[in-house]
Amino acid sequence: MNFDKKVDEKYLDYRSQVLKYTNQDMNLLLENENQVYIAVFDIPIKSNIIGIQTQTLALVFGLNTHLYSGSGSKLTKLEHYSKVMKAMQSLLLSCSQVLPFMKLTNNFDFYNSKHVRVYLKTERGVYFKELSKKDKIDNFLQNMMNYVLDEITKTGALKK
């Protein structure tokens, strides 16, 4: 357990692995340098239990849709549900339009926040935005994330 960040080390490792993954690792030929092929959403959860106060939605284009809990547990293979795969692909294909409103970053370290943190990976690097303004860009990213989460919820996989 990483008590400074209030999350399990396994959680930090899962999250880091996704953000370090490259299109070369995937044998994915990108259409352009702004094509988003990985999205990571760090989502705050209201809880007084250490490790339960965050989860991460990790999307890898055409391959994976995972949910990681700060406690170290993970829910994988969600991409096997066709509607989840469709939602994941829709999010990744749509997100390139918001890149001009995000900042390129080399810092992917997890930190706790009251707001969702979004990391979008392209050939140019990783773009970051903390959704705190409630403007149209924040709303767009929040709605796309919710679309994927809603499809995951409909599968019943969260109850298992």
C-alpha atoms as a PDB file:
ATOM      1  CA  MET A   1       0.000   0.000   0.000  1.00  0.00           C
ATOM      2  CA  ASN A   2       1.292   3.452  -0.919  1.00  0.00           C
ATOM      3  CA  PHE A   3      -0.010   5.434   2.061  1.00  0.00           C
ATOM      4  CA  ASP A   4       1.116   8.791   0.645  1.00  0.00           C
ATOM      5  CA  LYS A   5      -1.140   8.340  -2.371  1.00  0.00           C
ATOM      6  CA  LYS A   6      -3.655   6.134  -0.519  1.00  0.00           C
ATOM      7  CA  VAL A   7      -3.592   3.451  -3.206  1.00  0.00           C
ATOM      8  CA  ASP A   8      -2.141  -0.033  -3.583  1.00  0.00           C
ATOM      9  CA  GLU A   9       1.198  -0.443  -5.389  1.00  0.00           C
ATOM     10  CA  LYS A  10      -0.465  -2.930  -7.781  1.00  0.00           C
ATOM     11  CA  TYR A  11      -2.869  -0.178  -8.841  1.00  0.00           C
ATOM     12  CA  LEU A  12       0.021   2.201  -9.557  1.00  0.00           C
ATOM     13  CA  ASP A  13       1.756  -0.531 -11.569  1.00  0.00           C
ATOM     14  CA  TYR A  14      -1.340  -1.375 -13.682  1.00  0.00           C
ATOM     15  CA  ARG A  15      -1.888   2.306 -14.434  1.00  0.00           C
ATOM     16  CA  SER A  16       1.774   2.888 -15.292  1.00  0.00           C
ATOM     17  CA  GLN A  17       1.905  -0.114 -17.642  1.00  0.00           C
ATOM     18  CA  VAL A  18      -0.953   1.270 -19.729  1.00  0.00           C
ATOM     19  CA  LEU A  19       0.564   4.736 -20.000  1.00  0.00           C
ATOM     20  CA  LYS A  20       3.960   3.293 -21.026  1.00  0.00           C
ATOM     21  CA  TYR A  21       2.438   1.076 -23.736  1.00  0.00           C
ATOM     22  CA  THR A  22       3.256   2.281 -27.268  1.00  0.00           C
ATOM     23  CA  ASN A  23       1.649   1.863 -30.670  1.00  0.00           C
ATOM     24  CA  GLN A  24       4.784  -0.125 -31.656  1.00  0.00           C
ATOM     25  CA  ASP A  25       4.064  -2.561 -28.789  1.00  0.00           C
ATOM     26  CA  MET A  26       0.590  -2.975 -30.294  1.00  0.00           C
ATOM     27  CA  ASN A  27       1.799  -3.202 -33.922  1.00  0.00           C
ATOM     28  CA  LEU A  28      -0.619  -0.338 -34.572  1.00  0.00           C
ATOM     29  CA  LEU A  29       0.052   1.926 -37.535  1.00  0.00           C
ATOM     30  CA  LEU A  30      -1.372   5.336 -36.656  1.00  0.00           C
ATOM     31  CA  GLU A  31      -3.213   7.410 -39.258  1.00  0.00           C
ATOM     32  CA  ASN A  32      -1.618  10.640 -38.016  1.00  0.00           C
ATOM     33  CA  GLU A  33       0.317  12.044 -35.064  1.00  0.00           C
ATOM     34  CA  ASN A  34      -2.900  13.152 -33.327  1.00  0.00           C
ATOM     35  CA  GLN A  35      -4.651   9.774 -33.360  1.00  0.00           C
ATOM     36  CA  VAL A  36      -5.532   8.866 -29.772  1.00  0.00           C
ATOM     37  CA  TYR A  37      -4.765   5.210 -29.131  1.00  0.00           C
ATOM     38  CA  ILE A  38      -4.740   5.107 -25.311  1.00  0.00           C
ATOM     39  CA  ALA A  39      -6.993   6.901 -22.850  1.00  0.00           C
ATOM     40  CA  VAL A  40      -6.687   6.827 -19.072  1.00  0.00           C
ATOM     41  CA  PHE A  41      -9.297   8.389 -16.806  1.00  0.00           C
ATOM     42  CA  ASP A  42      -8.455   8.670 -13.098  1.00  0.00           C
ATOM     43  CA  ILE A  43     -11.848   8.874 -11.408  1.00  0.00           C
ATOM     44  CA  PRO A  44     -12.323  10.009  -7.800  1.00  0.00           C
ATOM     45  CA  ILE A  45     -14.759   7.953  -5.715  1.00  0.00           C
ATOM     46  CA  LYS A  46     -16.232   9.203  -2.446  1.00  0.00           C
ATOM     47  CA  SER A  47     -15.068   6.774   0.237  1.00  0.00           C
ATOM     48  CA  ASN A  48     -13.338   6.858   3.591  1.00  0.00           C
ATOM     49  CA  ILE A  49     -11.693   3.504   2.926  1.00  0.00           C
ATOM     50  CA  ILE A  50      -8.071   3.783   1.781  1.00  0.00           C
ATOM     51  CA  GLY A  51      -7.687   2.439  -1.740  1.00  0.00           C
ATOM     52  CA  ILE A  52     -11.364   2.733  -2.576  1.00  0.00           C
ATOM     53  CA  GLN A  53     -11.310   6.484  -3.221  1.00  0.00           C
ATOM     54  CA  THR A  54     -10.140   6.146  -6.831  1.00  0.00           C
ATOM     55  CA  GLN A  55     -10.522   3.997  -9.896  1.00  0.00           C
ATOM     56  CA  THR A  56      -9.012   4.199 -13.353  1.00  0.00           C
ATOM     57  CA  LEU A  57     -10.677   3.487 -16.665  1.00  0.00           C
ATOM     58  CA  ALA A  58      -7.943   2.384 -19.085  1.00  0.00           C
ATOM     59  CA  LEU A  59      -8.645   2.076 -22.806  1.00  0.00           C
ATOM     60  CA  VAL A  60      -6.211   0.722 -25.401  1.00  0.00           C
ATOM     61  CA  PHE A  61      -7.435   1.055 -28.997  1.00  0.00           C
ATOM     62  CA  GLY A  62      -8.933  -2.177 -30.290  1.00  0.00           C
ATOM     63  CA  LEU A  63      -7.387  -4.230 -27.488  1.00  0.00           C
ATOM     64  CA  ASN A  64      -8.362  -3.517 -23.905  1.00  0.00           C
ATOM     65  CA  THR A  65     -10.932  -1.893 -21.686  1.00  0.00           C
ATOM     66  CA  HIS A  66      -9.994  -2.258 -18.016  1.00  0.00           C
ATOM     67  CA  LEU A  67     -11.089  -0.788 -14.694  1.00  0.00           C
ATOM     68  CA  TYR A  68      -8.462  -0.570 -11.955  1.00  0.00           C
ATOM     69  CA  SER A  69      -9.362   0.117  -8.347  1.00  0.00           C
ATOM     70  CA  GLY A  70      -7.019   1.972  -6.022  1.00  0.00           C
ATOM     71  CA  SER A  71      -7.251  -1.109  -3.782  1.00  0.00           C
ATOM     72  CA  GLY A  72      -5.294  -3.095  -6.380  1.00  0.00           C
ATOM     73  CA  SER A  73      -8.201  -5.063  -7.801  1.00  0.00           C
ATOM     74  CA  LYS A  74      -8.888  -4.967 -11.511  1.00  0.00           C
ATOM     75  CA  LEU A  75     -11.671  -5.789 -13.910  1.00  0.00           C
ATOM     76  CA  THR A  76     -10.324  -6.872 -17.301  1.00  0.00           C
ATOM     77  CA  LYS A  77     -11.534  -8.248 -20.637  1.00  0.00           C
ATOM     78  CA  LEU A  78     -14.416  -5.780 -20.746  1.00  0.00           C
ATOM     79  CA  GLU A  79     -13.616  -5.291 -24.436  1.00  0.00           C
ATOM     80  CA  HIS A  80     -15.169  -8.726 -25.085  1.00  0.00           C
ATOM     81  CA  TYR A  81     -18.579  -7.075 -24.742  1.00  0.00           C
ATOM     82  CA  SER A  82     -19.390  -5.645 -28.182  1.00  0.00           C
ATOM     83  CA  LYS A  83     -21.111  -2.511 -26.866  1.00  0.00           C
ATOM     84  CA  VAL A  84     -18.161  -1.754 -24.570  1.00  0.00           C
ATOM     85  CA  MET A  85     -15.775  -2.203 -27.527  1.00  0.00           C
ATOM     86  CA  LYS A  86     -17.930   0.136 -29.622  1.00  0.00           C
ATOM     87  CA  ALA A  87     -18.003   2.765 -26.837  1.00  0.00           C
ATOM     88  CA  MET A  88     -14.222   2.471 -26.350  1.00  0.00           C
ATOM     89  CA  GLN A  89     -13.536   2.910 -30.057  1.00  0.00           C
ATOM     90  CA  SER A  90     -15.962   5.835 -30.266  1.00  0.00           C
ATOM     91  CA  LEU A  91     -14.214   7.580 -27.373  1.00  0.00           C
ATOM     92  CA  LEU A  92     -10.733   7.063 -28.803  1.00  0.00           C
ATOM     93  CA  LEU A  93     -11.746   8.169 -32.304  1.00  0.00           C
ATOM     94  CA  SER A  94     -13.573  11.270 -31.027  1.00  0.00           C
ATOM     95  CA  CYS A  95     -11.029  12.535 -28.510  1.00  0.00           C
ATOM     96  CA  SER A  96      -8.473  13.870 -30.985  1.00  0.00           C
ATOM     97  CA  GLN A  97     -10.707  16.932 -31.441  1.00  0.00           C
ATOM     98  CA  VAL A  98     -10.017  18.080 -27.860  1.00  0.00           C
ATOM     99  CA  LEU A  99      -6.216  17.755 -27.982  1.00  0.00           C
ATOM    100  CA  PRO A 100      -5.743  21.497 -28.733  1.00  0.00           C
ATOM    101  CA  PHE A 101      -7.415  22.213 -25.370  1.00  0.00           C
ATOM    102  CA  MET A 102      -5.154  19.854 -23.418  1.00  0.00           C
ATOM    103  CA  LYS A 103      -1.482  20.115 -22.498  1.00  0.00           C
ATOM    104  CA  LEU A 104       1.326  17.746 -23.451  1.00  0.00           C
ATOM    105  CA  THR A 105       2.901  16.235 -20.353  1.00  0.00           C
ATOM    106  CA  ASN A 106       5.702  13.893 -19.368  1.00  0.00           C
ATOM    107  CA  ASN A 107       4.335  13.494 -15.847  1.00  0.00           C
ATOM    108  CA  PHE A 108       1.883  10.608 -15.509  1.00  0.00           C
ATOM    109  CA  ASP A 109       2.286  10.196 -11.752  1.00  0.00           C
ATOM    110  CA  PHE A 110      -0.929   9.432  -9.927  1.00  0.00           C
ATOM    111  CA  TYR A 111      -2.242  12.031  -7.520  1.00  0.00           C
ATOM    112  CA  ASN A 112      -5.504  12.325  -5.620  1.00  0.00           C
ATOM    113  CA  SER A 113      -7.952  14.988  -6.705  1.00  0.00           C
ATOM    114  CA  LYS A 114     -11.634  15.840  -6.448  1.00  0.00           C
ATOM    115  CA  HIS A 115     -11.713  15.922 -10.258  1.00  0.00           C
ATOM    116  CA  VAL A 116     -11.387  13.372 -13.047  1.00  0.00           C
ATOM    117  CA  ARG A 117      -7.924  13.427 -14.653  1.00  0.00           C
ATOM    118  CA  VAL A 118      -7.678  12.511 -18.342  1.00  0.00           C
ATOM    119  CA  TYR A 119      -4.569  11.287 -20.167  1.00  0.00           C
ATOM    120  CA  LEU A 120      -4.778  10.786 -23.951  1.00  0.00           C
ATOM    121  CA  LYS A 121      -1.808   9.164 -25.698  1.00  0.00           C
ATOM    122  CA  THR A 122      -0.857   9.943 -29.300  1.00  0.00           C
ATOM    123  CA  GLU A 123       2.284   9.637 -31.396  1.00  0.00           C
ATOM    124  CA  ARG A 124       3.207  13.171 -30.258  1.00  0.00           C
ATOM    125  CA  GLY A 125       2.977  12.197 -26.587  1.00  0.00           C
ATOM    126  CA  VAL A 126       0.495  12.213 -23.723  1.00  0.00           C
ATOM    127  CA  TYR A 127      -2.042  14.999 -23.379  1.00  0.00           C
ATOM    128  CA  PHE A 128      -3.476  15.829 -19.960  1.00  0.00           C
ATOM    129  CA  LYS A 129      -6.506  17.653 -18.614  1.00  0.00           C
ATOM    130  CA  GLU A 130      -8.074  17.791 -15.168  1.00  0.00           C
ATOM    131  CA  LEU A 131     -11.829  18.183 -15.554  1.00  0.00           C
ATOM    132  CA  SER A 132     -12.489  21.044 -13.165  1.00  0.00           C
ATOM    133  CA  LYS A 133     -13.930  23.849 -15.290  1.00  0.00           C
ATOM    134  CA  LYS A 134     -17.196  22.310 -16.456  1.00  0.00           C
ATOM    135  CA  ASP A 135     -16.731  23.945 -19.866  1.00  0.00           C
ATOM    136  CA  LYS A 136     -17.695  22.252 -23.147  1.00  0.00           C
ATOM    137  CA  ILE A 137     -14.352  20.416 -23.383  1.00  0.00           C
ATOM    138  CA  ASP A 138     -14.656  19.062 -19.833  1.00  0.00           C
ATOM    139  CA  ASN A 139     -18.280  18.101 -20.485  1.00  0.00           C
ATOM    140  CA  PHE A 140     -17.342  16.331 -23.723  1.00  0.00           C
ATOM    141  CA  LEU A 141     -14.618  14.253 -22.045  1.00  0.00           C
ATOM    142  CA  GLN A 142     -16.853  13.510 -19.039  1.00  0.00           C
ATOM    143  CA  ASN A 143     -19.705  12.403 -21.321  1.00  0.00           C
ATOM    144  CA  MET A 144     -17.444  10.160 -23.411  1.00  0.00           C
ATOM    145  CA  MET A 145     -16.065   8.551 -20.240  1.00  0.00           C
ATOM    146  CA  ASN A 146     -19.604   8.090 -18.897  1.00  0.00           C
ATOM    147  CA  TYR A 147     -20.669   6.477 -22.183  1.00  0.00           C
ATOM    148  CA  VAL A 148     -18.010   3.771 -21.743  1.00  0.00           C
ATOM    149  CA  LEU A 149     -18.774   3.350 -18.026  1.00  0.00           C
ATOM    150  CA  ASP A 150     -22.513   3.055 -18.755  1.00  0.00           C
ATOM    151  CA  GLU A 151     -21.858   0.294 -21.288  1.00  0.00           C
ATOM    152  CA  ILE A 152     -19.639  -1.492 -18.756  1.00  0.00           C
ATOM    153  CA  THR A 153     -22.405  -1.211 -16.140  1.00  0.00           C
ATOM    154  CA  LYS A 154     -24.982  -2.686 -18.552  1.00  0.00           C
ATOM    155  CA  THR A 155     -22.855  -5.838 -18.965  1.00  0.00           C
ATOM    156  CA  GLY A 156     -23.324  -6.790 -15.309  1.00  0.00           C
ATOM    157  CA  ALA A 157     -19.553  -7.404 -15.018  1.00  0.00           C
ATOM    158  CA  LEU A 158     -19.328  -5.015 -12.062  1.00  0.00           C
ATOM    159  CA  LYS A 159     -21.558  -7.335  -9.993  1.00  0.00           C
ATOM    160  CA  LYS A 160     -19.267 -10.359 -10.390  1.00  0.00           C
END
